[in-house]
Amino acid sequence: MSKFNIQNKAEEFMSYALHVLDESPKKLRGDIVPEMRKLAIDVLLDVVYANFHFDDKDVRLGYQIDARKKMRGLNALAEACMVQNYITKHQYEVITGHTFELDGMIGNWIESDAKRASKV
């Protein structure tokens, strides 16, 4: 079964975030790391759920917006980790690069849905 590009990008984002978090200091593994892992996984799930709800535009939009919020939350935590030298600047930049690209893709998806709905 082929996946659409947004789901592929969400998988790349989650995979990289989990990889970076596996290398994080042990002192973070009790609080910040589990939250960041959950956010990274939830972004992928929100994209999958939004794609599944093609027949209910309000539910779909809710999942799309939730994915964007969670990416921004993960970015904020990643920035805090970078400032404290828990992750490198490069790792932070890669994470934000993934989230920026994925956020743009989801934004375009939302616009496309709105245009399609207005034509009906």
N, C-alpha and C. Protein backbone atom coordinates (compact mmCIF):
# COMPACT_ATOMS: atom_id res chain seq x y z
N MET A 1 0.85 -1.18 0.00
CA MET A 1 0.00 0.00 0.00
C MET A 1 0.90 1.24 0.00
N SER A 2 0.71 2.09 -0.96
CA SER A 2 1.55 3.28 -1.02
C SER A 2 1.00 4.35 -0.08
N LYS A 3 1.91 5.14 0.44
CA LYS A 3 1.54 6.21 1.35
C LYS A 3 1.69 7.54 0.64
N PHE A 4 0.97 8.51 1.12
CA PHE A 4 1.10 9.82 0.48
C PHE A 4 2.26 10.58 1.10
N ASN A 5 2.74 11.61 0.41
CA ASN A 5 3.98 12.30 0.78
C ASN A 5 3.99 12.84 2.20
N ILE A 6 2.87 13.33 2.68
CA ILE A 6 2.85 13.90 4.03
C ILE A 6 3.11 12.81 5.06
N GLN A 7 2.54 11.65 4.85
CA GLN A 7 2.78 10.55 5.78
C GLN A 7 4.25 10.12 5.73
N ASN A 8 4.82 10.06 4.54
CA ASN A 8 6.24 9.72 4.43
C ASN A 8 7.10 10.74 5.19
N LYS A 9 6.80 12.02 5.04
CA LYS A 9 7.56 13.07 5.73
C LYS A 9 7.37 12.96 7.24
N ALA A 10 6.14 12.65 7.69
CA ALA A 10 5.88 12.49 9.12
C ALA A 10 6.67 11.30 9.68
N GLU A 11 6.80 10.24 8.89
CA GLU A 11 7.59 9.08 9.33
C GLU A 11 9.07 9.44 9.43
N GLU A 12 9.57 10.18 8.46
CA GLU A 12 10.97 10.64 8.51
C GLU A 12 11.21 11.50 9.74
N PHE A 13 10.28 12.42 10.00
CA PHE A 13 10.38 13.31 11.15
C PHE A 13 10.41 12.49 12.44
N MET A 14 9.47 11.55 12.59
CA MET A 14 9.41 10.74 13.80
C MET A 14 10.68 9.91 13.96
N SER A 15 11.12 9.30 12.89
CA SER A 15 12.31 8.46 12.94
C SER A 15 13.54 9.24 13.39
N TYR A 16 13.73 10.43 12.82
CA TYR A 16 14.89 11.24 13.20
C TYR A 16 14.76 11.71 14.65
N ALA A 17 13.59 12.17 15.03
CA ALA A 17 13.40 12.64 16.41
C ALA A 17 13.68 11.52 17.40
N LEU A 18 13.19 10.32 17.13
CA LEU A 18 13.42 9.20 18.05
C LEU A 18 14.90 8.83 18.09
N HIS A 19 15.58 8.91 16.95
CA HIS A 19 17.02 8.64 16.91
C HIS A 19 17.79 9.63 17.79
N VAL A 20 17.48 10.89 17.65
CA VAL A 20 18.16 11.93 18.44
C VAL A 20 17.87 11.70 19.93
N LEU A 21 16.64 11.39 20.25
CA LEU A 21 16.26 11.21 21.65
C LEU A 21 16.90 9.98 22.27
N ASP A 22 17.19 8.96 21.47
CA ASP A 22 17.89 7.78 21.99
C ASP A 22 19.28 8.12 22.48
N GLU A 23 19.86 9.17 21.93
CA GLU A 23 21.21 9.59 22.30
C GLU A 23 21.23 10.66 23.38
N SER A 24 20.09 11.02 23.90
CA SER A 24 20.01 12.10 24.88
C SER A 24 20.58 11.67 26.23
N PRO A 25 20.97 12.64 27.04
CA PRO A 25 21.50 12.31 28.37
C PRO A 25 20.48 11.56 29.23
N LYS A 26 20.98 10.65 30.05
CA LYS A 26 20.09 9.83 30.88
C LYS A 26 19.22 10.67 31.80
N LYS A 27 19.73 11.81 32.25
CA LYS A 27 18.95 12.63 33.18
C LYS A 27 17.67 13.18 32.56
N LEU A 28 17.57 13.18 31.22
CA LEU A 28 16.37 13.68 30.55
C LEU A 28 15.36 12.58 30.25
N ARG A 29 15.77 11.35 30.40
CA ARG A 29 14.93 10.24 29.97
C ARG A 29 13.71 10.00 30.86
N GLY A 30 13.63 10.68 31.97
CA GLY A 30 12.48 10.51 32.85
C GLY A 30 11.37 11.51 32.62
N ASP A 31 11.67 12.64 31.99
CA ASP A 31 10.64 13.67 31.84
C ASP A 31 10.56 14.24 30.43
N ILE A 32 11.59 14.89 29.95
CA ILE A 32 11.52 15.56 28.65
C ILE A 32 11.49 14.57 27.49
N VAL A 33 12.34 13.56 27.53
CA VAL A 33 12.43 12.62 26.41
C VAL A 33 11.11 11.89 26.17
N PRO A 34 10.45 11.36 27.21
CA PRO A 34 9.16 10.70 26.93
C PRO A 34 8.13 11.64 26.30
N GLU A 35 8.12 12.89 26.75
CA GLU A 35 7.17 13.86 26.18
C GLU A 35 7.50 14.13 24.71
N MET A 36 8.77 14.29 24.40
CA MET A 36 9.17 14.55 23.02
C MET A 36 8.88 13.33 22.13
N ARG A 37 9.12 12.14 22.67
CA ARG A 37 8.81 10.91 21.91
C ARG A 37 7.32 10.86 21.59
N LYS A 38 6.51 11.13 22.61
CA LYS A 38 5.06 11.09 22.43
C LYS A 38 4.62 12.10 21.37
N LEU A 39 5.16 13.30 21.42
CA LEU A 39 4.80 14.31 20.42
C LEU A 39 5.19 13.86 19.01
N ALA A 40 6.39 13.31 18.86
CA ALA A 40 6.85 12.86 17.54
C ALA A 40 5.96 11.75 17.00
N ILE A 41 5.59 10.82 17.85
CA ILE A 41 4.72 9.72 17.43
C ILE A 41 3.32 10.24 17.13
N ASP A 42 2.83 11.14 17.98
CA ASP A 42 1.48 11.69 17.78
C ASP A 42 1.35 12.48 16.48
N VAL A 43 2.41 13.14 16.06
CA VAL A 43 2.37 13.87 14.78
C VAL A 43 2.06 12.89 13.65
N LEU A 44 2.79 11.77 13.62
CA LEU A 44 2.53 10.77 12.58
C LEU A 44 1.11 10.24 12.69
N LEU A 45 0.67 9.91 13.89
CA LEU A 45 -0.69 9.38 14.05
C LEU A 45 -1.75 10.39 13.63
N ASP A 46 -1.55 11.66 13.96
CA ASP A 46 -2.52 12.69 13.55
C ASP A 46 -2.61 12.79 12.03
N VAL A 47 -1.48 12.67 11.35
CA VAL A 47 -1.49 12.71 9.89
C VAL A 47 -2.25 11.50 9.34
N VAL A 48 -1.99 10.33 9.90
CA VAL A 48 -2.68 9.12 9.45
C VAL A 48 -4.18 9.23 9.71
N TYR A 49 -4.56 9.68 10.91
CA TYR A 49 -5.97 9.81 11.26
C TYR A 49 -6.67 10.85 10.38
N ALA A 50 -5.98 11.96 10.11
CA ALA A 50 -6.57 13.00 9.25
C ALA A 50 -6.82 12.43 7.86
N ASN A 51 -5.89 11.67 7.36
CA ASN A 51 -6.04 11.08 6.03
C ASN A 51 -7.19 10.08 6.01
N PHE A 52 -7.40 9.39 7.09
CA PHE A 52 -8.48 8.41 7.18
C PHE A 52 -9.86 9.07 7.18
N HIS A 53 -9.95 10.27 7.75
CA HIS A 53 -11.24 10.97 7.87
C HIS A 53 -11.49 11.88 6.67
N PHE A 54 -11.40 11.33 5.48
CA PHE A 54 -11.61 12.12 4.26
C PHE A 54 -13.06 12.55 4.09
N ASP A 55 -13.98 11.87 4.78
CA ASP A 55 -15.41 12.17 4.62
C ASP A 55 -15.95 13.16 5.66
N ASP A 56 -15.16 13.49 6.66
CA ASP A 56 -15.59 14.42 7.71
C ASP A 56 -14.56 15.54 7.82
N LYS A 57 -14.83 16.64 7.12
CA LYS A 57 -13.82 17.71 7.03
C LYS A 57 -13.48 18.34 8.38
N ASP A 58 -14.42 18.39 9.30
CA ASP A 58 -14.14 19.00 10.61
C ASP A 58 -13.21 18.12 11.44
N VAL A 59 -13.45 16.82 11.44
CA VAL A 59 -12.57 15.89 12.17
C VAL A 59 -11.19 15.90 11.53
N ARG A 60 -11.16 15.88 10.21
CA ARG A 60 -9.89 15.89 9.48
C ARG A 60 -9.08 17.14 9.81
N LEU A 61 -9.75 18.30 9.78
CA LEU A 61 -9.08 19.55 10.10
C LEU A 61 -8.56 19.55 11.54
N GLY A 62 -9.32 18.97 12.45
CA GLY A 62 -8.87 18.88 13.84
C GLY A 62 -7.56 18.12 13.97
N TYR A 63 -7.45 17.00 13.27
CA TYR A 63 -6.21 16.22 13.31
C TYR A 63 -5.06 16.97 12.64
N GLN A 64 -5.36 17.66 11.55
CA GLN A 64 -4.32 18.43 10.86
C GLN A 64 -3.78 19.53 11.78
N ILE A 65 -4.67 20.23 12.45
CA ILE A 65 -4.26 21.30 13.36
C ILE A 65 -3.50 20.73 14.56
N ASP A 66 -3.98 19.61 15.08
CA ASP A 66 -3.28 18.97 16.21
C ASP A 66 -1.85 18.58 15.83
N ALA A 67 -1.66 18.06 14.63
CA ALA A 67 -0.31 17.69 14.18
C ALA A 67 0.59 18.92 14.17
N ARG A 68 0.06 20.03 13.68
CA ARG A 68 0.86 21.26 13.62
C ARG A 68 1.19 21.77 15.03
N LYS A 69 0.25 21.71 15.94
CA LYS A 69 0.49 22.15 17.32
C LYS A 69 1.57 21.28 17.98
N LYS A 70 1.48 20.00 17.78
CA LYS A 70 2.44 19.08 18.41
C LYS A 70 3.84 19.28 17.85
N MET A 71 3.95 19.58 16.55
CA MET A 71 5.27 19.87 15.99
C MET A 71 5.86 21.12 16.61
N ARG A 72 5.03 22.11 16.81
CA ARG A 72 5.52 23.36 17.43
C ARG A 72 5.94 23.12 18.87
N GLY A 73 5.20 22.28 19.57
CA GLY A 73 5.58 21.92 20.94
C GLY A 73 6.90 21.18 20.98
N LEU A 74 7.07 20.25 20.05
CA LEU A 74 8.32 19.50 20.00
C LEU A 74 9.47 20.42 19.64
N ASN A 75 9.24 21.37 18.74
CA ASN A 75 10.27 22.35 18.40
C ASN A 75 10.69 23.16 19.62
N ALA A 76 9.72 23.56 20.42
CA ALA A 76 10.04 24.36 21.62
C ALA A 76 10.88 23.54 22.59
N LEU A 77 10.53 22.28 22.79
CA LEU A 77 11.32 21.43 23.68
C LEU A 77 12.71 21.17 23.11
N ALA A 78 12.78 20.97 21.79
CA ALA A 78 14.09 20.75 21.15
C ALA A 78 14.98 21.98 21.31
N GLU A 79 14.38 23.16 21.17
CA GLU A 79 15.17 24.39 21.35
C GLU A 79 15.69 24.49 22.78
N ALA A 80 14.84 24.18 23.74
CA ALA A 80 15.27 24.22 25.14
C ALA A 80 16.40 23.21 25.37
N CYS A 81 16.30 22.04 24.75
CA CYS A 81 17.35 21.03 24.89
C CYS A 81 18.65 21.49 24.24
N MET A 82 18.55 22.19 23.11
CA MET A 82 19.75 22.68 22.44
C MET A 82 20.43 23.75 23.30
N VAL A 83 19.63 24.64 23.87
CA VAL A 83 20.19 25.71 24.72
C VAL A 83 20.95 25.10 25.91
N GLN A 84 20.46 24.00 26.42
CA GLN A 84 21.10 23.34 27.56
C GLN A 84 22.18 22.33 27.12
N ASN A 85 22.47 22.28 25.82
CA ASN A 85 23.46 21.37 25.25
C ASN A 85 23.12 19.90 25.43
N TYR A 86 21.82 19.59 25.46
CA TYR A 86 21.38 18.20 25.52
C TYR A 86 21.31 17.59 24.13
N ILE A 87 21.09 18.43 23.12
CA ILE A 87 21.19 18.02 21.73
C ILE A 87 22.06 19.06 21.03
N THR A 88 22.64 18.66 19.92
CA THR A 88 23.52 19.59 19.21
C THR A 88 22.70 20.59 18.39
N LYS A 89 23.36 21.65 18.01
CA LYS A 89 22.70 22.64 17.16
C LYS A 89 22.30 22.00 15.83
N HIS A 90 23.15 21.13 15.31
CA HIS A 90 22.82 20.44 14.06
C HIS A 90 21.57 19.59 14.21
N GLN A 91 21.48 18.83 15.30
CA GLN A 91 20.29 18.01 15.54
C GLN A 91 19.04 18.88 15.64
N TYR A 92 19.16 19.98 16.33
CA TYR A 92 18.04 20.91 16.44
C TYR A 92 17.64 21.44 15.07
N GLU A 93 18.62 21.82 14.26
CA GLU A 93 18.33 22.35 12.93
C GLU A 93 17.67 21.31 12.03
N VAL A 94 18.09 20.06 12.15
CA VAL A 94 17.46 19.00 11.34
C VAL A 94 16.02 18.78 11.79
N ILE A 95 15.80 18.76 13.11
CA ILE A 95 14.44 18.60 13.63
C ILE A 95 13.56 19.74 13.14
N THR A 96 14.03 20.97 13.28
CA THR A 96 13.21 22.12 12.85
C THR A 96 13.04 22.14 11.33
N GLY A 97 14.03 21.66 10.60
CA GLY A 97 13.89 21.57 9.14
C GLY A 97 12.78 20.60 8.75
N HIS A 98 12.76 19.45 9.42
CA HIS A 98 11.69 18.47 9.17
C HIS A 98 10.33 19.07 9.53
N THR A 99 10.25 19.70 10.70
CA THR A 99 8.95 20.22 11.13
C THR A 99 8.50 21.38 10.25
N PHE A 100 9.43 22.21 9.81
CA PHE A 100 9.07 23.33 8.94
C PHE A 100 8.50 22.81 7.62
N GLU A 101 9.18 21.82 7.05
CA GLU A 101 8.71 21.25 5.78
C GLU A 101 7.36 20.55 5.95
N LEU A 102 7.24 19.75 7.01
CA LEU A 102 5.99 19.03 7.26
C LEU A 102 4.85 20.00 7.57
N ASP A 103 5.15 21.05 8.33
CA ASP A 103 4.13 22.05 8.65
C ASP A 103 3.61 22.71 7.36
N GLY A 104 4.52 23.03 6.46
CA GLY A 104 4.12 23.61 5.18
C GLY A 104 3.27 22.65 4.36
N MET A 105 3.65 21.38 4.37
CA MET A 105 2.87 20.39 3.62
C MET A 105 1.46 20.25 4.20
N ILE A 106 1.36 20.25 5.52
CA ILE A 106 0.04 20.14 6.15
C ILE A 106 -0.76 21.41 5.88
N GLY A 107 -0.12 22.57 5.92
CA GLY A 107 -0.80 23.82 5.59
C GLY A 107 -1.37 23.80 4.18
N ASN A 108 -0.58 23.29 3.23
CA ASN A 108 -1.06 23.17 1.85
C ASN A 108 -2.20 22.16 1.75
N TRP A 109 -2.13 21.12 2.53
CA TRP A 109 -3.18 20.10 2.57
C TRP A 109 -4.49 20.72 3.07
N ILE A 110 -4.39 21.52 4.12
CA ILE A 110 -5.57 22.21 4.67
C ILE A 110 -6.17 23.14 3.62
N GLU A 111 -5.32 23.91 2.94
CA GLU A 111 -5.80 24.82 1.89
C GLU A 111 -6.46 24.05 0.75
N SER A 112 -5.87 22.94 0.37
CA SER A 112 -6.43 22.11 -0.69
C SER A 112 -7.80 21.57 -0.30
N ASP A 113 -7.92 21.12 0.95
CA ASP A 113 -9.22 20.64 1.43
C ASP A 113 -10.26 21.75 1.40
N ALA A 114 -9.85 22.95 1.81
CA ALA A 114 -10.78 24.09 1.84
C ALA A 114 -11.24 24.46 0.43
N LYS A 115 -10.32 24.45 -0.52
CA LYS A 115 -10.68 24.75 -1.91
C LYS A 115 -11.62 23.69 -2.46
N ARG A 116 -11.32 22.44 -2.16
CA ARG A 116 -12.17 21.36 -2.64
C ARG A 116 -13.57 21.45 -2.03
N ALA A 117 -13.66 21.81 -0.76
CA ALA A 117 -14.95 21.94 -0.07
C ALA A 117 -15.76 23.12 -0.63
N SER A 118 -15.07 24.19 -1.03
CA SER A 118 -15.78 25.36 -1.55
C SER A 118 -16.34 25.12 -2.95
N LYS A 119 -15.79 24.14 -3.66
CA LYS A 119 -16.27 23.82 -5.00
C LYS A 119 -17.52 22.93 -4.98
N VAL A 120 -17.78 22.34 -3.81
CA VAL A 120 -18.92 21.41 -3.72
C VAL A 120 -20.22 22.12 -3.60
